[in-house]
Amino acid sequence: MAGRPERVNGASRCYHPSATGRCDPSVTEQLKTELERSIAEVRETAGASFAKRATAIDLLEVHVIDRLQPLDEHGEPAPALRALHSDALELQQQLEAANERFLNRLRVRIRAGRYTPAGLERALARRAGNSKRDRDYDTLDLLVAGLLEAGTLEDERAEREPEMVAYQPTPGRIILQLLARADIQRDDVLFDLGSGLGWVVILVALLRETRAVGIEYEPAFVDYARSCARALNMSRAKFVHADAREASLTDGTVFFLYTPFRGQMLQQVLERLRVEAEARAIRVCTYGPCTAEVARVGWLGLRAGDPSREDEVVVFQSV
């Protein structure tokens, strides 16, 4: 039926619009009212903190900009909707610019060493907040990704073996949980096996002032992580392009695995860690499906966390 509105990606649009490409005026007015309300809510949500602005940007994207896109593709939207689209884009740019200014100030302080680890840790948790839902990424992750941004990430070059798991960044709340549960001290040396873009390594080096080493098989990830560390003047963060089954693990006291591999490959790495544990006490920290496999290893005892949970950090101690 001509002029019948339909929901497409959350936006009302018309089939068979008039020759001008516009929908029925009543549909346009209804959509205009809804979008104006959404923009007003975004302006109220956008406060002085990074987290509130990030939430406002997301609301603006979903409830205004994305809803207008199908209309624009179908035909020329009404002038009132074009004006709303311009307002939404301008507001989005203002919020993003404010968050980038905040990140730049934070980078300058870190590069100059004008921060305290405890103060920075409190700021990360306070300004961004933490998700309480399992597996979720939240505004803390947006803050960390922005802080550790290092330009364009190159395409992956290494051929992944079947037991290697595709990279996913460790959620920020999990990194903070790792710091607390593993009781990482300044004289520890942390190894992140499968370090990806380097979030865990750099944040541990920042927040505990300890040496941290990332072992990563994909060279594009290693290059990116090194650029991040250089940009923040983080000499304590080191990244090694190597296979975890062959890399030097000397001096490591804390080893973190966000399920970088499974099966036989995981068992081979755990055997390497067992050999390291003969020389010194070590902690093995896990997150994700690998926790259940690590929990069955006889030379490790539980130190913190619940081994039946894949959605939290579990810490094991060599016995």
Protein backbone atom coordinates (compact mmCIF):
# COMPACT_ATOMS: atom_id res chain seq x y z
CA MET A 1 0.00 0.00 0.00
CA ALA A 2 1.37 3.40 -0.99
CA GLY A 3 2.69 5.48 1.86
CA ARG A 4 2.72 2.57 4.35
CA PRO A 5 5.55 3.08 6.89
CA GLU A 6 7.83 0.16 7.75
CA ARG A 7 10.53 -0.29 10.37
CA VAL A 8 13.93 -0.60 8.69
CA ASN A 9 16.98 -0.63 10.99
CA GLY A 10 14.92 1.17 13.59
CA ALA A 11 13.77 3.93 11.21
CA SER A 12 10.35 4.61 9.76
CA ARG A 13 10.35 4.98 6.00
CA CYS A 14 7.79 4.80 3.20
CA TYR A 15 7.43 2.57 0.21
CA HIS A 16 6.60 4.32 -3.05
CA PRO A 17 7.18 7.91 -1.92
CA SER A 18 5.98 10.85 -3.93
CA ALA A 19 7.91 12.27 -6.87
CA THR A 20 9.87 14.44 -4.45
CA GLY A 21 11.15 11.31 -2.71
CA ARG A 22 9.48 12.26 0.58
CA CYS A 23 7.25 10.29 2.89
CA ASP A 24 3.77 11.09 4.03
CA PRO A 25 3.85 14.37 6.04
CA SER A 26 2.29 12.70 9.08
CA VAL A 27 5.03 10.06 9.13
CA THR A 28 7.68 12.76 8.75
CA GLU A 29 6.23 14.78 11.62
CA GLN A 30 6.08 11.74 13.88
CA LEU A 31 9.69 10.83 13.12
CA LYS A 32 10.77 14.45 13.59
CA THR A 33 9.18 14.51 17.06
CA GLU A 34 10.87 11.26 18.05
CA LEU A 35 14.28 12.43 16.84
CA GLU A 36 13.98 15.80 18.56
CA ARG A 37 13.24 13.97 21.79
CA SER A 38 16.27 11.73 21.30
CA ILE A 39 18.57 14.69 20.65
CA ALA A 40 17.26 16.45 23.75
CA GLU A 41 17.94 13.32 25.83
CA VAL A 42 21.47 13.14 24.44
CA ARG A 43 22.17 16.76 25.39
CA GLU A 44 21.01 16.00 28.93
CA THR A 45 23.11 12.82 29.09
CA ALA A 46 26.31 14.48 27.87
CA GLY A 47 27.97 15.54 31.10
CA ALA A 48 31.48 16.45 32.10
CA SER A 49 32.88 12.91 32.15
CA PHE A 50 34.32 10.77 29.38
CA ALA A 51 31.85 7.99 30.20
CA LYS A 52 28.78 10.20 29.94
CA ARG A 53 29.93 11.69 26.65
CA ALA A 54 30.67 8.21 25.27
CA THR A 55 27.20 7.05 26.26
CA ALA A 56 25.69 10.15 24.64
CA ILE A 57 27.60 9.51 21.39
CA ASP A 58 26.28 5.95 21.28
CA LEU A 59 22.69 7.10 21.91
CA LEU A 60 23.01 9.72 19.20
CA GLU A 61 24.35 7.20 16.71
CA VAL A 62 21.66 4.60 17.36
CA HIS A 63 18.58 6.74 17.93
CA VAL A 64 19.15 9.57 15.45
CA ILE A 65 21.90 9.19 12.85
CA ASP A 66 21.29 5.50 12.07
CA ARG A 67 17.54 6.09 11.86
CA LEU A 68 17.95 8.82 9.26
CA GLN A 69 20.34 6.85 7.06
CA PRO A 70 17.70 4.57 5.43
CA LEU A 71 15.58 7.63 4.65
CA ASP A 72 18.51 9.33 2.97
CA GLU A 73 19.24 6.24 0.88
CA HIS A 74 15.59 5.86 -0.18
CA GLY A 75 15.06 9.44 -1.21
CA GLU A 76 15.56 13.06 -0.30
CA PRO A 77 14.32 13.48 3.32
CA ALA A 78 12.12 16.37 4.34
CA PRO A 79 13.96 19.65 5.14
CA ALA A 80 13.11 19.32 8.83
CA LEU A 81 14.77 15.89 8.94
CA ARG A 82 17.82 17.18 7.06
CA ALA A 83 18.18 19.90 9.68
CA LEU A 84 17.93 17.34 12.48
CA HIS A 85 20.58 15.22 10.78
CA SER A 86 22.92 18.22 10.62
CA ASP A 87 22.28 19.01 14.29
CA ALA A 88 22.99 15.41 15.27
CA LEU A 89 26.26 15.29 13.33
CA GLU A 90 27.40 18.58 14.82
CA LEU A 91 26.59 17.40 18.35
CA GLN A 92 28.40 14.13 17.70
CA GLN A 93 31.53 16.00 16.56
CA GLN A 94 31.45 18.22 19.65
CA LEU A 95 31.22 15.25 22.00
CA GLU A 96 33.97 13.32 20.20
CA ALA A 97 36.24 16.39 20.22
CA ALA A 98 35.71 16.82 23.97
CA ASN A 99 36.66 13.20 24.61
CA GLU A 100 39.73 13.48 22.40
CA ARG A 101 40.88 16.55 24.35
CA PHE A 102 40.53 14.56 27.56
CA LEU A 103 42.57 11.68 26.10
CA ASN A 104 45.27 14.04 24.86
CA ARG A 105 45.64 15.57 28.33
CA LEU A 106 45.92 12.09 29.82
CA ARG A 107 48.56 11.04 27.26
CA VAL A 108 50.65 14.13 28.00
CA ARG A 109 50.60 13.40 31.73
CA ILE A 110 51.59 9.77 31.18
CA ARG A 111 54.40 10.61 28.76
CA ALA A 112 55.82 13.12 31.24
CA GLY A 113 55.42 10.74 34.19
CA ARG A 114 53.06 13.20 35.90
CA TYR A 115 50.68 10.63 37.30
CA THR A 116 50.50 8.17 40.17
CA PRO A 117 49.59 4.56 39.36
CA ALA A 118 46.91 4.48 42.07
CA GLY A 119 45.45 7.78 40.89
CA LEU A 120 45.34 6.63 37.27
CA GLU A 121 43.69 3.36 38.25
CA ARG A 122 41.01 5.20 40.21
CA ALA A 123 40.49 7.57 37.28
CA LEU A 124 39.99 4.72 34.83
CA ALA A 125 37.37 3.07 37.02
CA ARG A 126 35.68 6.29 38.09
CA ARG A 127 35.45 8.12 34.78
CA ALA A 128 34.50 5.18 32.63
CA GLY A 129 32.72 2.84 35.00
CA ASN A 130 32.61 -0.92 34.71
CA SER A 131 30.09 -3.22 33.06
CA LYS A 132 28.52 -5.82 35.32
CA ARG A 133 27.35 -7.96 32.43
CA ASP A 134 29.40 -10.99 31.48
CA ARG A 135 31.63 -10.59 28.43
CA ASP A 136 30.49 -7.02 27.78
CA TYR A 137 32.77 -4.24 26.63
CA ASP A 138 31.94 -0.88 28.14
CA THR A 139 33.02 2.74 28.19
CA LEU A 140 36.19 1.78 30.06
CA ASP A 141 37.21 -0.10 26.91
CA LEU A 142 36.48 2.96 24.77
CA LEU A 143 38.74 4.98 27.06
CA VAL A 144 41.54 2.39 26.93
CA ALA A 145 41.24 2.02 23.15
CA GLY A 146 41.41 5.80 22.76
CA LEU A 147 44.33 6.15 25.13
CA LEU A 148 46.28 3.38 23.39
CA GLU A 149 45.38 4.41 19.85
CA ALA A 150 48.41 4.24 17.54
CA GLY A 151 47.16 4.97 14.05
CA THR A 152 46.17 2.44 11.40
CA LEU A 153 46.40 -1.24 12.24
CA GLU A 154 47.93 -3.21 9.37
CA ASP A 155 46.32 -6.36 8.02
CA GLU A 156 47.28 -9.62 9.72
CA ARG A 157 50.23 -11.33 8.04
CA ALA A 158 50.73 -14.57 9.98
CA GLU A 159 48.84 -17.73 9.13
CA ARG A 160 46.97 -18.80 12.26
CA GLU A 161 47.25 -22.46 13.28
CA PRO A 162 43.99 -24.35 13.94
CA GLU A 163 44.39 -24.28 17.74
CA MET A 164 45.11 -20.54 17.84
CA VAL A 165 42.11 -18.43 18.88
CA ALA A 166 41.20 -15.24 17.00
CA TYR A 167 42.20 -12.09 18.84
CA GLN A 168 39.77 -10.24 21.09
CA PRO A 169 41.00 -7.40 23.33
CA THR A 170 40.88 -8.11 27.04
CA PRO A 171 38.07 -6.00 28.57
CA GLY A 172 39.35 -3.16 30.74
CA ARG A 173 37.41 -4.35 33.78
CA ILE A 174 39.16 -7.72 33.46
CA ILE A 175 42.58 -6.03 33.42
CA LEU A 176 41.70 -4.18 36.63
CA GLN A 177 40.50 -7.48 38.10
CA LEU A 178 43.79 -9.11 37.09
CA LEU A 179 45.76 -6.42 38.93
CA ALA A 180 43.75 -6.96 42.09
CA ARG A 181 43.52 -10.76 42.16
CA ALA A 182 47.07 -11.55 41.05
CA ASP A 183 48.47 -9.08 43.59
CA ILE A 184 50.99 -7.82 41.03
CA GLN A 185 53.86 -5.95 42.70
CA ARG A 186 56.56 -3.67 41.36
CA ASP A 187 59.21 -6.42 41.41
CA ASP A 188 57.04 -8.85 39.42
CA VAL A 189 57.54 -9.52 35.72
CA LEU A 190 54.30 -10.15 33.85
CA PHE A 191 54.10 -12.09 30.59
CA ASP A 192 50.94 -11.85 28.49
CA LEU A 193 50.92 -14.91 26.23
CA GLY A 194 49.02 -13.83 23.13
CA SER A 195 49.23 -10.11 23.87
CA GLY A 196 47.42 -8.80 20.78
CA LEU A 197 47.42 -5.00 20.65
CA GLY A 198 49.09 -4.75 24.04
CA TRP A 199 46.31 -3.50 26.33
CA VAL A 200 47.20 -5.80 29.24
CA VAL A 201 50.95 -5.26 29.01
CA ILE A 202 50.81 -1.47 28.82
CA LEU A 203 48.20 -1.05 31.54
CA VAL A 204 50.02 -3.39 33.93
CA ALA A 205 53.26 -1.48 33.31
CA LEU A 206 51.43 1.82 33.89
CA LEU A 207 49.43 0.87 36.94
CA ARG A 208 51.98 -1.31 38.76
CA GLU A 209 55.26 0.19 37.46
CA THR A 210 56.49 -3.32 36.80
CA ARG A 211 58.11 -4.86 33.75
CA ALA A 212 55.59 -6.42 31.41
CA VAL A 213 56.25 -8.49 28.29
CA GLY A 214 53.83 -9.37 25.52
CA ILE A 215 54.41 -12.51 23.46
CA GLU A 216 52.47 -12.30 20.19
CA TYR A 217 52.46 -14.45 17.06
CA GLU A 218 50.95 -11.84 14.70
CA PRO A 219 53.61 -9.28 13.62
CA ALA A 220 51.05 -6.57 12.76
CA PHE A 221 49.80 -6.66 16.36
CA VAL A 222 53.36 -6.48 17.70
CA ASP A 223 54.14 -3.42 15.56
CA TYR A 224 50.98 -1.69 16.73
CA ALA A 225 51.59 -2.46 20.41
CA ARG A 226 55.16 -1.18 20.19
CA SER A 227 53.89 2.06 18.67
CA CYS A 228 51.43 2.44 21.56
CA ALA A 229 54.18 1.93 24.13
CA ARG A 230 56.50 4.43 22.41
CA ALA A 231 53.73 7.02 22.21
CA LEU A 232 53.31 6.86 25.99
CA ASN A 233 57.05 6.63 26.70
CA MET A 234 56.51 3.25 28.33
CA SER A 235 59.95 1.64 28.45
CA ARG A 236 58.73 -0.99 30.94
CA ALA A 237 56.39 -2.48 28.31
CA LYS A 238 58.10 -4.83 25.84
CA PHE A 239 56.63 -6.78 22.96
CA VAL A 240 58.18 -9.86 21.37
CA HIS A 241 57.16 -11.38 18.06
CA ALA A 242 57.36 -15.09 18.83
CA ASP A 243 55.51 -18.37 19.25
CA ALA A 244 54.65 -18.88 22.93
CA ARG A 245 55.91 -22.46 22.65
CA GLU A 246 59.39 -21.17 21.83
CA ALA A 247 59.71 -17.66 23.33
CA SER A 248 62.00 -16.99 26.27
CA LEU A 249 59.98 -16.81 29.49
CA THR A 250 62.94 -16.11 31.75
CA ASP A 251 62.25 -13.98 34.85
CA GLY A 252 58.46 -14.18 34.45
CA THR A 253 56.58 -14.39 37.74
CA VAL A 254 53.03 -13.75 36.50
CA PHE A 255 51.66 -15.24 33.27
CA PHE A 256 48.33 -14.16 31.78
CA LEU A 257 46.32 -16.10 29.20
CA TYR A 258 43.08 -14.85 27.68
CA THR A 259 42.54 -18.17 25.91
CA PRO A 260 45.07 -17.47 23.11
CA PHE A 261 45.12 -21.13 22.08
CA ARG A 262 43.49 -24.41 22.99
CA GLY A 263 44.15 -28.15 22.95
CA GLN A 264 47.63 -29.52 22.43
CA MET A 265 49.15 -26.10 21.91
CA LEU A 266 47.89 -24.95 25.32
CA GLN A 267 49.27 -28.10 26.93
CA GLN A 268 52.68 -27.47 25.36
CA VAL A 269 52.76 -23.92 26.74
CA LEU A 270 51.66 -25.13 30.17
CA GLU A 271 54.51 -27.64 30.15
CA ARG A 272 56.91 -24.79 29.44
CA LEU A 273 55.45 -22.91 32.40
CA ARG A 274 55.88 -26.00 34.60
CA VAL A 275 59.58 -25.98 33.78
CA GLU A 276 59.77 -22.28 34.68
CA ALA A 277 58.04 -23.05 37.99
CA GLU A 278 60.86 -25.42 38.94
CA ALA A 279 63.17 -22.39 39.16
CA ARG A 280 60.84 -19.97 40.98
CA ALA A 281 57.27 -19.54 42.18
CA ILE A 282 54.93 -18.32 39.46
CA ARG A 283 51.27 -17.33 39.13
CA VAL A 284 49.22 -18.32 36.09
CA CYS A 285 46.21 -16.09 35.48
CA THR A 286 43.46 -17.10 33.07
CA TYR A 287 40.34 -15.63 31.50
CA GLY A 288 37.92 -17.37 29.18
CA PRO A 289 37.47 -21.04 28.20
CA CYS A 290 41.10 -21.97 28.88
CA THR A 291 40.47 -21.63 32.64
CA ALA A 292 38.84 -25.07 32.87
CA GLU A 293 41.80 -26.70 31.13
CA VAL A 294 44.36 -24.93 33.30
CA ALA A 295 42.43 -25.88 36.45
CA ARG A 296 43.10 -29.56 35.71
CA VAL A 297 46.89 -29.10 35.78
CA GLY A 298 48.34 -30.91 38.76
CA TRP A 299 51.27 -28.59 39.50
CA LEU A 300 49.03 -25.54 39.92
CA GLY A 301 46.87 -24.71 42.94
CA LEU A 302 43.99 -22.25 43.08
CA ARG A 303 44.88 -18.85 44.51
CA ALA A 304 41.91 -16.60 43.63
CA GLY A 305 38.68 -16.76 41.63
CA ASP A 306 36.25 -19.50 40.67
CA PRO A 307 37.63 -22.04 38.11
CA SER A 308 34.09 -22.79 36.92
CA ARG A 309 33.68 -19.18 35.71
CA GLU A 310 34.91 -18.19 32.25
CA ASP A 311 33.88 -14.57 32.71
CA GLU A 312 36.33 -13.60 35.42
CA VAL A 313 40.05 -13.77 36.16
CA VAL A 314 41.20 -16.91 37.93
CA VAL A 315 44.67 -17.03 39.51
CA PHE A 316 46.65 -20.23 40.03
CA GLN A 317 49.86 -20.58 42.03
CA SER A 318 52.63 -23.06 41.30
CA VAL A 319 52.96 -25.72 44.00
